[in-house]
Protein backbone atom coordinates (compact mmCIF):
# COMPACT_ATOMS: atom_id res chain seq x y z
CA MET A 1 25.10 12.88 -53.14
CA SER A 2 26.75 12.15 -49.80
CA PRO A 3 29.64 9.70 -50.29
CA GLU A 4 28.66 7.54 -47.32
CA ARG A 5 25.15 7.25 -48.72
CA GLY A 6 26.29 6.41 -52.18
CA GLY A 7 26.33 2.65 -51.62
CA ILE A 8 22.73 2.64 -50.40
CA LEU A 9 21.46 4.56 -53.41
CA GLU A 10 23.40 2.39 -55.79
CA ASP A 11 21.75 -0.69 -54.29
CA VAL A 12 18.31 0.89 -54.71
CA ILE A 13 19.03 1.82 -58.35
CA ALA A 14 20.34 -1.67 -59.11
CA GLU A 15 17.22 -3.25 -57.60
CA VAL A 16 14.88 -0.98 -59.59
CA LEU A 17 16.80 -1.71 -62.80
CA ALA A 18 16.67 -5.47 -62.25
CA SER A 19 13.08 -5.80 -61.05
CA GLY A 20 11.37 -2.94 -62.78
CA GLU A 21 9.50 -2.11 -59.52
CA PRO A 22 9.57 1.65 -58.83
CA VAL A 23 10.57 3.12 -55.44
CA PHE A 24 8.80 6.27 -54.24
CA ASP A 25 9.52 8.87 -51.54
CA LEU A 26 12.90 7.61 -50.42
CA LEU A 27 14.18 10.26 -47.99
CA PHE A 28 17.76 11.24 -48.39
CA GLY A 29 19.75 13.79 -46.39
CA SER A 30 22.75 15.43 -47.95
CA PRO A 31 24.77 18.58 -47.35
CA SER A 32 25.48 20.84 -50.27
CA PRO A 33 29.02 21.71 -51.46
CA ALA A 34 28.41 25.34 -50.46
CA ASP A 35 27.36 24.39 -46.89
CA PRO A 36 28.85 21.01 -45.98
CA ASP A 37 27.92 21.32 -42.28
CA HIS A 38 24.15 21.39 -42.75
CA HIS A 39 21.69 19.13 -44.44
CA ARG A 40 19.02 19.35 -47.01
CA VAL A 41 16.45 16.58 -47.11
CA TRP A 42 15.26 15.20 -50.41
CA SER A 43 12.38 12.98 -51.38
CA CYS A 44 13.66 10.69 -54.12
CA SER A 45 11.69 8.39 -56.42
CA TYR A 46 13.16 5.84 -58.86
CA PHE A 47 11.61 4.01 -61.79
CA ARG A 48 13.07 2.02 -64.70
CA LEU A 49 13.22 3.33 -68.27
CA SER A 50 12.57 0.78 -71.00
CA ASP A 51 12.46 0.91 -74.80
CA GLN A 52 9.47 -0.05 -76.91
CA ASP A 53 10.53 -3.68 -76.78
CA GLY A 54 10.70 -3.66 -72.95
CA ARG A 55 14.46 -3.73 -72.79
CA PRO A 56 15.75 -1.69 -69.77
CA LEU A 57 17.58 1.47 -70.74
CA GLY A 58 18.33 2.87 -67.29
CA VAL A 59 16.79 4.30 -64.11
CA CYS A 60 15.21 7.70 -63.77
CA GLU A 61 15.52 9.61 -60.44
CA SER A 62 13.07 12.32 -59.41
CA ALA A 63 14.13 14.34 -56.34
CA TYR A 64 12.35 17.18 -54.49
CA GLU A 65 13.73 19.14 -51.53
CA ILE A 66 11.45 18.73 -48.50
CA THR A 67 13.73 20.16 -45.81
CA ARG A 68 11.06 22.32 -44.16
CA ARG A 69 8.45 19.60 -44.31
CA TYR A 70 10.88 17.13 -42.79
CA GLU A 71 11.84 19.65 -40.11
CA ALA A 72 8.19 20.09 -39.19
CA GLY A 73 7.85 16.30 -39.02
CA LEU A 74 10.76 16.13 -36.58
CA ARG A 75 9.03 18.64 -34.31
CA VAL A 76 5.81 16.65 -34.45
CA ALA A 77 7.77 13.49 -33.62
CA LEU A 78 9.36 15.19 -30.62
CA LEU A 79 5.95 16.32 -29.44
CA GLY A 80 4.80 12.74 -29.79
CA ARG A 81 7.57 11.69 -27.40
CA VAL A 82 6.29 14.04 -24.72
CA SER A 83 4.48 11.05 -23.19
CA GLU A 84 7.92 9.64 -22.33
CA ILE A 85 8.36 12.47 -19.82
CA GLY A 86 7.03 11.77 -16.34
CA THR A 87 6.86 7.98 -16.47
CA SER A 88 7.44 7.86 -12.69
CA LEU A 89 6.39 9.95 -9.72
CA ALA A 90 9.92 11.13 -9.00
CA ALA A 91 11.17 14.66 -9.73
CA VAL A 92 14.75 13.70 -10.64
CA ARG A 93 13.58 10.79 -12.81
CA THR A 94 11.26 13.19 -14.68
CA ALA A 95 14.23 15.49 -15.36
CA GLN A 96 16.10 12.49 -16.77
CA ASP A 97 13.17 11.69 -19.05
CA LEU A 98 13.22 15.25 -20.38
CA ALA A 99 16.96 15.00 -21.09
CA SER A 100 16.49 11.71 -22.96
CA VAL A 101 13.88 13.27 -25.25
CA ALA A 102 15.77 16.52 -25.91
CA VAL A 103 19.36 15.31 -26.39
CA PRO A 104 20.55 14.90 -29.10
CA ASP A 105 17.43 15.23 -31.28
CA PHE A 106 16.61 18.78 -30.18
CA ALA A 107 19.73 20.20 -28.53
CA ASP A 108 23.37 19.34 -27.94
CA ARG A 109 23.21 19.96 -24.18
CA ILE A 110 20.56 20.23 -21.45
CA GLU A 111 20.90 21.48 -17.89
CA VAL A 112 18.09 20.97 -15.38
CA ASP A 113 18.10 22.74 -12.02
CA LEU A 114 15.45 21.99 -9.40
CA ALA A 115 14.65 24.05 -6.34
CA GLU A 116 16.42 22.63 -3.31
CA ASN A 117 13.20 22.37 -1.36
CA VAL A 118 11.51 20.48 -4.22
CA VAL A 119 14.23 17.85 -4.23
CA ALA A 120 14.41 17.73 -0.44
CA ASP A 121 10.81 17.73 0.76
CA GLY A 122 8.54 18.50 -2.20
CA ARG A 123 7.62 22.02 -1.09
CA PRO A 124 8.31 24.60 -3.84
CA SER A 125 8.66 28.33 -3.29
CA PRO A 126 6.13 30.80 -4.79
CA ALA A 127 7.01 31.94 -8.29
CA HIS A 128 7.11 35.61 -7.32
CA VAL A 129 9.82 34.91 -4.71
CA ARG A 130 12.43 33.81 -7.19
CA SER A 131 15.35 35.79 -5.87
CA GLY A 132 17.37 33.81 -3.38
CA THR A 133 15.79 30.47 -4.31
CA SER A 134 18.43 27.78 -3.87
CA MET A 135 18.79 25.49 -6.89
CA ARG A 136 20.39 22.10 -7.27
CA ARG A 137 21.79 20.87 -10.60
CA VAL A 138 20.22 17.45 -11.15
CA ILE A 139 20.88 16.98 -14.90
CA ASP A 140 23.79 18.13 -17.07
CA ARG A 141 23.82 16.01 -20.21
CA SER A 142 25.57 16.54 -23.54
CA ALA A 143 25.42 14.61 -26.79
CA GLU A 144 27.89 11.72 -26.56
CA ALA A 145 29.13 12.19 -30.14
CA PRO A 146 28.90 14.90 -32.81
CA PRO A 147 25.66 14.65 -34.78
CA GLY A 148 27.57 14.00 -38.02
CA SER A 149 25.30 13.67 -41.02
CA ALA A 150 22.12 12.73 -39.13
CA PRO A 151 19.23 15.01 -40.23
CA ARG A 152 18.23 16.57 -36.89
CA LEU A 153 16.70 19.85 -35.83
CA GLY A 154 19.26 22.63 -36.12
CA LEU A 155 21.33 20.73 -38.66
CA LEU A 156 18.90 21.34 -41.49
CA VAL A 157 19.13 24.38 -43.76
CA SER A 158 16.86 27.02 -42.23
CA ALA A 159 16.05 30.59 -43.20
CA GLU A 160 16.16 31.65 -39.52
CA ASN A 161 19.75 31.50 -38.34
CA ASP A 162 19.95 34.55 -36.12
CA GLY A 163 18.19 33.12 -33.05
CA PRO A 164 19.75 32.29 -29.66
CA ARG A 165 22.00 29.32 -29.09
CA ARG A 166 20.87 29.00 -25.45
CA LEU A 167 17.29 28.77 -24.21
CA ALA A 168 16.70 29.17 -20.46
CA LEU A 169 13.12 28.41 -19.44
CA PRO A 170 11.57 28.27 -15.94
CA LEU A 171 9.83 25.19 -14.59
CA VAL A 172 6.61 26.69 -13.22
CA ALA A 173 3.45 24.88 -12.19
CA ARG A 174 0.48 26.35 -10.30
CA ASP A 175 2.37 29.63 -9.68
CA ALA A 176 5.22 27.80 -7.99
CA LEU A 177 8.80 27.90 -9.19
CA LEU A 178 10.12 24.35 -9.38
CA GLY A 179 13.40 24.97 -11.22
CA SER A 180 14.77 25.85 -14.65
CA VAL A 181 15.85 24.14 -17.88
CA THR A 182 18.58 25.33 -20.24
CA PHE A 183 18.96 24.01 -23.81
CA THR A 184 22.18 24.65 -25.76
CA ARG A 185 23.09 24.22 -29.41
CA THR A 186 26.69 24.26 -30.59
CA VAL A 187 28.24 24.60 -34.07
CA PRO A 188 27.52 23.18 -36.63
CA ARG A 189 23.91 23.33 -35.44
CA TYR A 190 21.89 26.43 -36.27
CA PRO A 191 20.54 28.56 -33.39
CA PHE A 192 17.03 27.98 -32.10
CA SER A 193 14.31 29.21 -34.43
CA ALA A 194 10.94 30.59 -33.32
CA GLN A 195 9.36 27.18 -33.93
CA ASP A 196 12.10 25.55 -31.85
CA GLN A 197 11.43 27.92 -28.97
CA GLY A 198 7.74 27.03 -29.03
CA LEU A 199 8.64 23.32 -28.97
CA ALA A 200 11.02 23.88 -26.04
CA GLU A 201 8.24 25.57 -24.08
CA GLU A 202 5.96 22.57 -24.69
CA LEU A 203 8.62 20.14 -23.45
CA VAL A 204 9.38 22.20 -20.34
CA SER A 205 5.69 22.71 -19.58
CA ARG A 206 5.09 18.97 -19.66
CA ALA A 207 8.09 18.38 -17.40
CA ALA A 208 6.89 21.04 -14.94
CA VAL A 209 3.46 19.44 -14.61
CA CYS A 210 5.01 16.00 -14.05
CA ILE A 211 7.50 17.31 -11.48
CA ASP A 212 4.65 19.09 -9.69
CA ASN A 213 2.68 15.84 -9.65
CA ALA A 214 5.75 14.05 -8.33
CA ARG A 215 6.33 16.45 -5.46
CA ARG A 216 2.59 16.46 -4.57
CA TYR A 217 2.64 12.67 -4.56
CA ALA A 218 5.75 12.68 -2.36
CA ARG A 219 4.07 14.99 0.15
CA GLU A 220 0.80 13.01 0.21
CA HIS A 221 2.63 9.69 0.40
CA GLU A 222 4.68 10.92 3.35
CA ALA A 223 1.60 12.34 5.06
CA ALA A 224 -0.37 9.13 4.51
CA LEU A 225 2.53 7.00 5.73
CA THR A 226 2.93 9.17 8.83
CA LEU A 227 -0.81 9.01 9.50
CA GLN A 228 -0.96 5.26 9.06
CA ARG A 229 2.04 4.67 11.28
CA SER A 230 0.47 6.85 13.97
CA LEU A 231 -2.81 4.91 13.71
CA LEU A 232 -1.21 1.47 13.76
CA PRO A 233 -0.22 0.16 17.21
CA GLN A 234 3.11 1.67 18.20
CA VAL A 235 3.75 -1.14 20.69
CA VAL A 236 1.84 -4.37 20.19
CA PRO A 237 0.67 -5.90 23.49
CA GLN A 238 2.42 -9.11 24.45
CA PRO A 239 -0.15 -11.09 26.47
CA ALA A 240 1.09 -14.04 28.48
CA ALA A 241 -0.91 -16.42 26.30
CA VAL A 242 0.78 -15.55 22.99
CA GLU A 243 4.07 -14.46 21.47
CA VAL A 244 3.59 -11.84 18.75
CA ALA A 245 5.70 -10.49 15.88
CA HIS A 246 4.50 -8.21 13.08
CA ARG A 247 5.62 -6.37 9.97
CA TYR A 248 4.09 -3.67 7.78
CA VAL A 249 5.61 -2.80 4.39
CA PRO A 250 4.00 0.11 2.45
CA THR A 251 3.56 -0.27 -1.28
CA ALA A 252 6.50 0.70 -3.48
CA GLY A 253 4.32 1.68 -6.47
CA PRO A 254 2.69 5.01 -7.38
CA LEU A 255 -0.62 4.13 -5.71
CA GLY A 256 0.56 5.28 -2.30
CA VAL A 257 0.02 3.99 1.21
CA GLY A 258 -2.92 1.63 1.55
CA GLY A 259 -5.34 0.88 4.37
CA ASP A 260 -3.91 -2.27 5.92
CA TRP A 261 -4.11 -2.58 9.69
CA TYR A 262 -3.55 -5.14 12.42
CA ASP A 263 -4.08 -5.26 16.16
CA VAL A 264 -3.64 -7.45 19.22
CA ILE A 265 -6.32 -6.87 21.89
CA PRO A 266 -6.12 -8.37 25.40
CA LEU A 267 -9.56 -9.68 26.41
CA SER A 268 -11.10 -10.99 29.60
CA GLY A 269 -10.17 -14.38 30.96
CA ALA A 270 -6.62 -14.24 29.50
CA ARG A 271 -8.04 -14.45 25.98
CA VAL A 272 -6.51 -12.49 23.09
CA GLY A 273 -8.21 -10.80 20.15
CA LEU A 274 -6.33 -10.80 16.83
CA VAL A 275 -7.31 -8.44 14.02
CA VAL A 276 -6.14 -7.95 10.44
CA GLY A 277 -7.95 -5.75 7.92
CA ASP A 278 -7.58 -4.06 4.56
CA VAL A 279 -9.33 -0.91 3.29
CA VAL A 280 -10.02 -0.48 -0.43
CA GLY A 281 -7.88 2.20 -2.06
CA HIS A 282 -4.72 4.09 -1.21
CA GLY A 283 -3.70 7.48 0.13
CA LEU A 284 -4.83 9.72 2.98
CA ASN A 285 -8.48 8.68 2.80
CA ALA A 286 -7.58 5.01 3.02
CA ALA A 287 -5.31 5.66 6.02
CA ALA A 288 -8.01 7.70 7.79
CA THR A 289 -10.62 5.02 7.09
CA MET A 290 -8.29 2.38 8.45
CA GLY A 291 -7.87 4.35 11.67
CA ARG A 292 -11.61 4.63 12.21
CA LEU A 293 -12.22 0.95 11.53
CA ARG A 294 -9.41 -0.08 13.87
CA THR A 295 -10.79 2.14 16.64
CA THR A 296 -14.29 0.74 16.10
CA VAL A 297 -13.04 -2.86 16.28
CA ARG A 298 -11.23 -2.16 19.56
CA ALA A 299 -14.37 -0.60 21.02
CA LEU A 300 -16.52 -3.55 19.97
CA ALA A 301 -13.94 -6.05 21.22
CA ALA A 302 -14.19 -4.50 24.69
CA LEU A 303 -17.81 -5.68 24.78
CA ASP A 304 -16.62 -9.31 24.72
CA LEU A 305 -18.56 -10.04 21.54
CA ALA A 306 -18.16 -13.23 19.56
CA PRO A 307 -16.24 -12.71 16.28
CA ASP A 308 -19.32 -13.10 14.09
CA GLU A 309 -21.33 -10.66 16.22
CA LEU A 310 -18.50 -8.14 16.24
CA LEU A 311 -18.24 -8.23 12.44
CA ALA A 312 -22.02 -7.95 12.14
CA ARG A 313 -22.03 -4.77 14.22
CA LEU A 314 -19.06 -3.38 12.34
CA ASP A 315 -20.82 -4.16 9.08
CA ASP A 316 -23.90 -2.26 10.28
CA LEU A 317 -21.80 0.79 11.14
CA VAL A 318 -20.12 0.80 7.75
CA GLY A 319 -23.26 0.14 5.76
CA GLN A 320 -25.64 2.46 7.62
CA ALA A 321 -23.80 5.11 9.62
CA ARG A 322 -20.84 5.48 7.20
CA ILE A 323 -18.78 5.85 10.43
CA GLY A 324 -18.03 9.49 9.60
CA ILE A 325 -15.40 8.86 6.96
CA HIS A 326 -16.23 11.79 4.68
CA ARG A 327 -17.06 15.37 5.56
CA ALA A 328 -20.37 16.86 4.52
CA GLY A 329 -20.27 18.07 0.96
CA SER A 330 -17.44 15.75 -0.02
CA ASP A 331 -17.12 14.94 -3.67
CA ALA A 332 -16.43 11.27 -2.87
CA LEU A 333 -19.16 9.11 -4.31
CA GLU A 334 -18.87 6.35 -1.73
CA ASP A 335 -17.26 5.60 1.56
CA GLN A 336 -13.90 3.85 1.27
CA ALA A 337 -14.92 1.66 4.20
CA LEU A 338 -17.39 -0.03 1.87
CA GLY A 339 -15.77 -3.22 0.65
CA ALA A 340 -13.10 -3.24 3.36
CA THR A 341 -12.12 -6.68 4.63
CA CYS A 342 -11.51 -7.74 8.22
CA LEU A 343 -10.58 -10.92 10.07
CA TYR A 344 -11.24 -11.14 13.81
CA ALA A 345 -10.04 -14.08 15.90
CA VAL A 346 -10.18 -14.80 19.63
CA TYR A 347 -7.67 -17.23 21.14
CA ASP A 348 -8.48 -18.81 24.50
CA PRO A 349 -5.37 -20.22 26.24
CA VAL A 350 -7.47 -22.09 28.80
CA THR A 351 -9.34 -24.22 26.26
CA GLY A 352 -6.64 -24.03 23.57
CA THR A 353 -9.17 -22.99 20.95
CA CYS A 354 -9.37 -20.15 18.47
CA VAL A 355 -12.72 -18.77 17.33
CA LEU A 356 -12.60 -16.61 14.23
CA ALA A 357 -14.79 -14.99 11.58
CA SER A 358 -13.98 -13.23 8.31
CA ALA A 359 -15.56 -10.37 6.42
CA GLY A 360 -14.12 -10.98 2.96
CA HIS A 361 -10.62 -11.56 4.31
CA LEU A 362 -8.24 -14.41 3.57
CA ALA A 363 -8.12 -17.28 6.08
CA PRO A 364 -5.04 -17.48 8.35
CA VAL A 365 -2.36 -20.12 7.92
CA VAL A 366 -1.64 -22.31 10.93
CA SER A 367 1.59 -24.21 11.54
CA VAL A 368 1.16 -26.99 14.12
CA PRO A 369 4.29 -28.76 15.40
CA GLY A 370 4.72 -32.06 13.60
CA ARG A 371 2.21 -31.22 10.84
CA PRO A 372 2.58 -29.33 7.56
CA PRO A 373 1.28 -25.73 7.61
CA GLU A 374 -2.10 -25.17 5.98
CA PRO A 375 -4.81 -22.48 5.73
CA LEU A 376 -7.63 -22.81 8.25
CA GLU A 377 -10.99 -23.92 6.96
CA LEU A 378 -13.11 -20.80 7.31
CA SER A 379 -16.39 -19.62 5.83
CA VAL A 380 -15.57 -16.19 4.43
CA GLY A 381 -18.42 -13.68 4.67
CA PRO A 382 -19.00 -10.62 2.47
CA PRO A 383 -16.80 -7.51 2.78
CA LEU A 384 -17.92 -4.80 5.17
CA GLY A 385 -20.87 -2.68 4.12
CA ILE A 386 -22.12 -5.08 1.47
CA GLY A 387 -24.74 -6.78 3.66
CA GLY A 388 -27.09 -9.58 2.69
CA LEU A 389 -25.21 -12.53 4.21
CA PRO A 390 -24.45 -13.41 7.84
CA PHE A 391 -20.98 -13.95 9.23
CA GLU A 392 -20.11 -17.39 10.53
CA CYS A 393 -17.72 -18.39 13.30
CA ALA A 394 -15.27 -21.23 13.03
CA GLU A 395 -13.75 -22.82 16.13
CA VAL A 396 -10.46 -24.68 15.79
CA ARG A 397 -8.22 -26.29 18.36
CA VAL A 398 -4.72 -24.86 18.27
CA PRO A 399 -2.10 -26.92 20.13
CA GLU A 400 0.48 -25.15 22.24
CA GLY A 401 3.48 -23.94 20.22
CA SER A 402 1.50 -23.53 17.01
CA VAL A 403 1.97 -20.40 14.91
CA LEU A 404 -0.93 -18.49 13.37
CA ALA A 405 -0.12 -16.27 10.39
CA LEU A 406 -2.59 -13.44 9.72
CA TYR A 407 -1.87 -11.35 6.64
CA THR A 408 -3.28 -9.13 3.90
CA ASP A 409 -3.50 -9.94 0.21
CA GLY A 410 -0.40 -7.86 -0.61
CA LEU A 411 1.74 -10.59 0.91
CA ILE A 412 0.54 -13.41 -1.35
CA GLU A 413 -0.67 -11.66 -4.53
CA SER A 414 1.53 -10.42 -7.37
CA ARG A 415 1.32 -9.86 -11.10
CA ARG A 416 3.52 -12.88 -11.70
CA ASP A 417 1.95 -15.41 -9.32
CA GLY A 418 -1.58 -16.09 -8.17
CA VAL A 419 -3.00 -16.37 -4.66
CA ASP A 420 -2.48 -20.14 -4.47
CA SER A 421 1.20 -19.78 -5.25
CA GLY A 422 1.58 -17.07 -2.61
CA ILE A 423 -0.14 -19.17 0.07
CA ALA A 424 2.06 -22.14 -0.83
CA SER A 425 5.17 -19.97 -0.37
CA LEU A 426 3.88 -18.77 3.00
CA CYS A 427 3.27 -22.36 4.09
CA ARG A 428 6.81 -23.33 3.11
CA ALA A 429 8.20 -20.49 5.22
CA LEU A 430 6.17 -21.61 8.26
CA VAL A 431 7.21 -25.26 8.12
CA ASP A 432 9.12 -24.92 11.43
CA PRO A 433 6.87 -23.19 14.03
CA ALA A 434 9.72 -23.16 16.57
CA GLN A 435 11.64 -20.48 14.64
CA ASP A 436 12.15 -17.01 16.08
CA LEU A 437 9.08 -15.03 15.01
CA ASN A 438 10.91 -11.78 14.22
CA THR A 439 13.41 -13.62 12.03
CA LEU A 440 10.52 -15.42 10.36
CA CYS A 441 8.77 -12.10 9.66
CA ASP A 442 11.91 -10.76 7.99
CA VAL A 443 12.22 -13.86 5.82
CA ILE A 444 8.57 -13.80 4.71
CA THR A 445 8.46 -10.06 3.94
CA GLY A 446 12.06 -9.92 2.65
CA SER A 447 11.20 -9.53 -1.06
CA SER A 448 8.57 -6.89 -0.30
CA SER A 449 10.92 -4.93 1.94
CA ALA A 450 13.36 -4.60 -0.95
CA GLY A 451 10.99 -2.05 -2.55
CA SER A 452 9.14 -4.32 -4.93
CA ALA A 453 5.82 -4.45 -3.09
CA GLU A 454 2.91 -3.97 -5.49
CA ASP A 455 0.48 -3.51 -2.58
CA ASP A 456 0.77 -2.92 1.14
CA VAL A 457 2.04 -5.97 3.00
CA THR A 458 0.89 -6.74 6.54
CA LEU A 459 1.94 -9.83 8.47
CA LEU A 460 1.02 -10.79 12.05
CA LEU A 461 2.61 -13.94 13.46
CA VAL A 462 1.25 -15.35 16.73
CA ARG A 463 2.70 -18.31 18.62
CA VAL A 464 0.08 -19.61 21.04
CA GLN A 465 0.66 -20.90 24.55
CA SER A 466 -1.68 -22.74 26.89
CA LEU A 467 -2.57 -21.76 30.41
CA PRO A 468 -2.09 -24.70 32.81
CA SER A 469 -5.34 -26.05 34.17
CA GLU A 470 -4.22 -25.51 37.76
CA ASN A 471 -3.87 -21.80 37.06
CA SER A 472 -7.47 -21.20 36.01
CA ALA A 473 -11.01 -22.02 36.94
CA ASP A 474 -14.19 -21.47 34.95
CA SER A 475 -17.79 -21.57 35.97
CA ALA A 476 -21.10 -20.78 34.29
CA MET A 477 -24.35 -20.35 36.20
CA ARG A 478 -27.87 -19.32 35.39
CA ASP A 479 -29.56 -16.81 37.63
CA ARG A 480 -32.96 -15.26 37.79
CA PRO A 481 -33.28 -11.69 39.03
CA GLU A 482 -35.09 -12.77 42.17
CA ARG A 483 -32.13 -15.00 43.05
CA SER A 484 -29.49 -12.25 42.80
CA ALA A 485 -29.87 -10.97 46.37
CA ALA A 486 -29.69 -14.49 47.72
CA ALA A 487 -26.53 -15.08 45.72
CA ARG A 488 -24.82 -12.03 47.20
CA ALA A 489 -25.94 -12.62 50.76
CA PRO A 490 -23.41 -15.32 51.70
CA CYS A 491 -20.57 -13.06 50.62
CA SER A 492 -21.35 -10.43 53.22
CA ALA A 493 -22.92 -12.58 55.96
CA ARG A 494 -20.38 -15.40 56.14
CA PRO A 495 -16.58 -15.44 56.45
CA TRP A 496 -16.41 -17.91 53.53
CA ALA A 497 -18.12 -18.44 50.17
CA ARG A 498 -18.26 -20.95 47.36
CA THR A 499 -17.74 -18.60 44.42
CA PRO A 500 -18.76 -19.90 40.95
CA ALA A 501 -15.21 -19.52 39.71
CA ALA A 502 -13.42 -21.17 42.59
CA ASN A 503 -16.02 -23.74 43.53
CA SER A 504 -14.79 -25.76 46.54
CA VAL A 505 -11.22 -24.42 46.32
CA VAL A 506 -11.61 -21.40 48.59
CA ARG A 507 -11.86 -21.18 52.35
CA ALA A 508 -12.44 -18.43 54.83
CA THR A 509 -9.62 -16.26 56.05
CA CYS A 510 -9.00 -12.62 56.71
CA CYS A 511 -6.71 -10.37 54.73
CA PRO A 512 -3.98 -9.17 57.09
CA THR A 513 -4.45 -5.58 55.95
CA SER A 514 -8.23 -5.44 55.97
CA ALA A 515 -11.10 -6.25 58.30
CA SER A 516 -13.36 -7.16 55.38
CA PRO A 517 -14.11 -10.83 54.78
CA TRP A 518 -11.83 -12.30 52.09
CA VAL A 519 -11.40 -15.80 50.79
CA ARG A 520 -8.13 -17.57 50.12
CA SER A 521 -7.48 -20.16 47.44
CA ARG A 522 -6.04 -23.40 48.82
CA SER A 523 -3.93 -24.22 45.77
CA TRP A 524 -3.14 -20.68 44.60
CA GLY A 525 -2.25 -19.03 47.90
CA MET A 526 -4.16 -15.84 47.03
CA TYR A 527 -6.79 -13.65 48.64
CA ILE A 528 -10.06 -13.08 46.79
CA CYS A 529 -12.81 -10.76 47.91
CA PRO A 530 -16.07 -12.70 47.40
CA ASN A 531 -18.10 -9.48 47.43
CA ARG A 532 -16.39 -8.44 44.20
CA VAL A 533 -16.37 -11.85 42.57
CA VAL A 534 -19.97 -12.85 43.19
CA GLY A 535 -21.26 -9.28 43.23
CA ASP A 536 -19.87 -8.72 39.74
CA ALA A 537 -21.09 -12.11 38.62
CA VAL A 538 -24.70 -11.40 39.52
CA ALA A 539 -24.75 -7.68 38.72
CA ARG A 540 -25.82 -8.16 35.13
CA PRO A 541 -28.78 -10.43 35.75
CA THR A 542 -30.02 -7.94 38.33
CA ALA A 543 -29.66 -5.03 35.91
CA ALA A 544 -31.68 -6.83 33.21
CA PRO A 545 -34.83 -8.17 34.89
CA ASN A 546 -36.82 -8.00 31.66
CA HIS A 547 -34.71 -10.56 29.90
CA GLY A 548 -35.60 -13.52 32.05
CA GLU A 549 -32.97 -16.07 32.84
CA ALA A 550 -29.37 -14.91 32.22
CA CYS A 551 -26.15 -16.87 32.07
CA THR A 552 -23.17 -15.58 34.03
CA TRP A 553 -19.67 -16.78 33.21
CA THR A 554 -16.82 -16.30 35.65
CA ARG A 555 -13.13 -17.09 35.29
CA LEU A 556 -10.22 -16.77 37.65
CA CYS A 557 -6.73 -16.81 36.13
CA VAL A 558 -3.52 -16.81 38.14
CA GLY A 559 -0.26 -15.73 36.62
CA ALA A 560 2.03 -12.73 36.98
CA VAL A 561 -1.23 -10.81 37.53
CA THR A 562 -4.28 -12.48 39.02
CA ARG A 563 -7.49 -11.61 37.20
CA CYS A 564 -11.12 -12.34 37.74
CA SER A 565 -13.40 -11.93 34.72
CA CYS A 566 -17.19 -12.07 34.76
CA SER A 567 -19.56 -11.71 31.86
CA SER A 568 -23.21 -12.24 31.06
CA CYS A 569 -24.82 -13.68 27.98
CA SER A 570 -27.74 -11.25 28.26
CA PRO A 571 -28.33 -8.83 25.35
CA GLU A 572 -26.69 -6.10 27.44
CA SER A 573 -23.61 -8.20 27.99
CA ARG A 574 -20.56 -6.46 29.41
CA CYS A 575 -17.29 -7.83 30.61
CA ARG A 576 -16.30 -7.14 34.19
CA ARG A 577 -12.66 -7.50 35.14
CA GLY A 578 -11.02 -7.55 38.51
């Protein structure tokens, strides 16, 4: 009996003697006098002895040596801890997990070397090119204290004591050499037995698979992040009507880069299109899907469509044409664009209004000077590709100096707090719309930028500005095809014209550098060619004689750049800019 265990056994014997309740299969490790450095494991049972009158006489102990059985149980327990290896998608962290499992229960020391290129960029060398492979020592851990009397593998009496004291095993996965692992046992531990070598191979094999998964994840994550960054706008336009700031924070978890995107699109008549969207899923496919959706939205926005019509057309493309996301023969069961969300808004600085529609996306938060921030009231339609319900536009007046916050769900959702709590936090951050937008972006996304983002975070802040009334003029007219020629005639026959956009504010003059008839604005001091203005304005009605009466809208805007925009409400509507 081991002296330090004597007190425990005496307590057990005293309890059995007093209560009469037997104790079975109490495991006890003890070295023998002939070999004090190694253990034998015993299964002890205790029961009370009584005379015929029931008076206790003593306690009987029955002990059986179960060293080999216990040793096998330790191996099974170590195999059960294999799931502790590879708890993260990081190669060095996986090596640390392996060391925690192996030392001190299996070995006294472990050394893990990983290929330099695996640690650096996740690209291993082929297994057959092992000579010259540069290795980096990432783990060198020894037992903090001698094992003492603890019954561990190698400290138990074993018939096989002529095996190696060092085991060096390669980390190989999919014919690629990832590194090597070396286990060491020191005296008083026995050398590694054949069963121990088999267990070591199982541990190293598990670690190799996890490290391979980690380096593949690192490569795909980097590729997806690079792809997404290349697809997102490198430089966001800064139209005169708005001030824009934006942030994108990729997820910090193992899911990889998501499909969030945002965009700012200059439109005709000094208007601005604002887009925020989110693709279901993560990884390369999500990034590629995001790029195709963003390109499609930009193409549709160029048609000067209303937000609800734009989303309806985008929904048709996703639901019917699948917009070419997957190659033929792909194993993917469904297009990742299905279920994607998108919010499209158009801000008009002349009228000070914002028209927006949502396909399953969260409503923006608006911060108006002198009023508390709040989410806009918006009818949210179904996600893209679902179909069945129409999209509805909402028109809201946005005073000058207000800040619109467009975002994805990663900004406001977390495992700890719900959506309502996240929106409330966003509103608190936007309480002062006069703040610098870039500073405000950093404050709002600060916690996510620290590496704790559970999903991609996208934030687009827009401070709106109004265009002074004296710097713009709008006009809408209805024309029939037979009236188009008559509408263009004055522009070429007379030295002056009353254009729809500049009604009664233009007069005849001649451009000093041209003999063609031009018109000059009284209040703006600018030259306008009426052939272009009116010719563009009536071109659409002429091109669509089968559609009956068509409405032509014309706007002149004067700023750093003077623009004339004409559009038609006919089914073949196109925006014309000058």
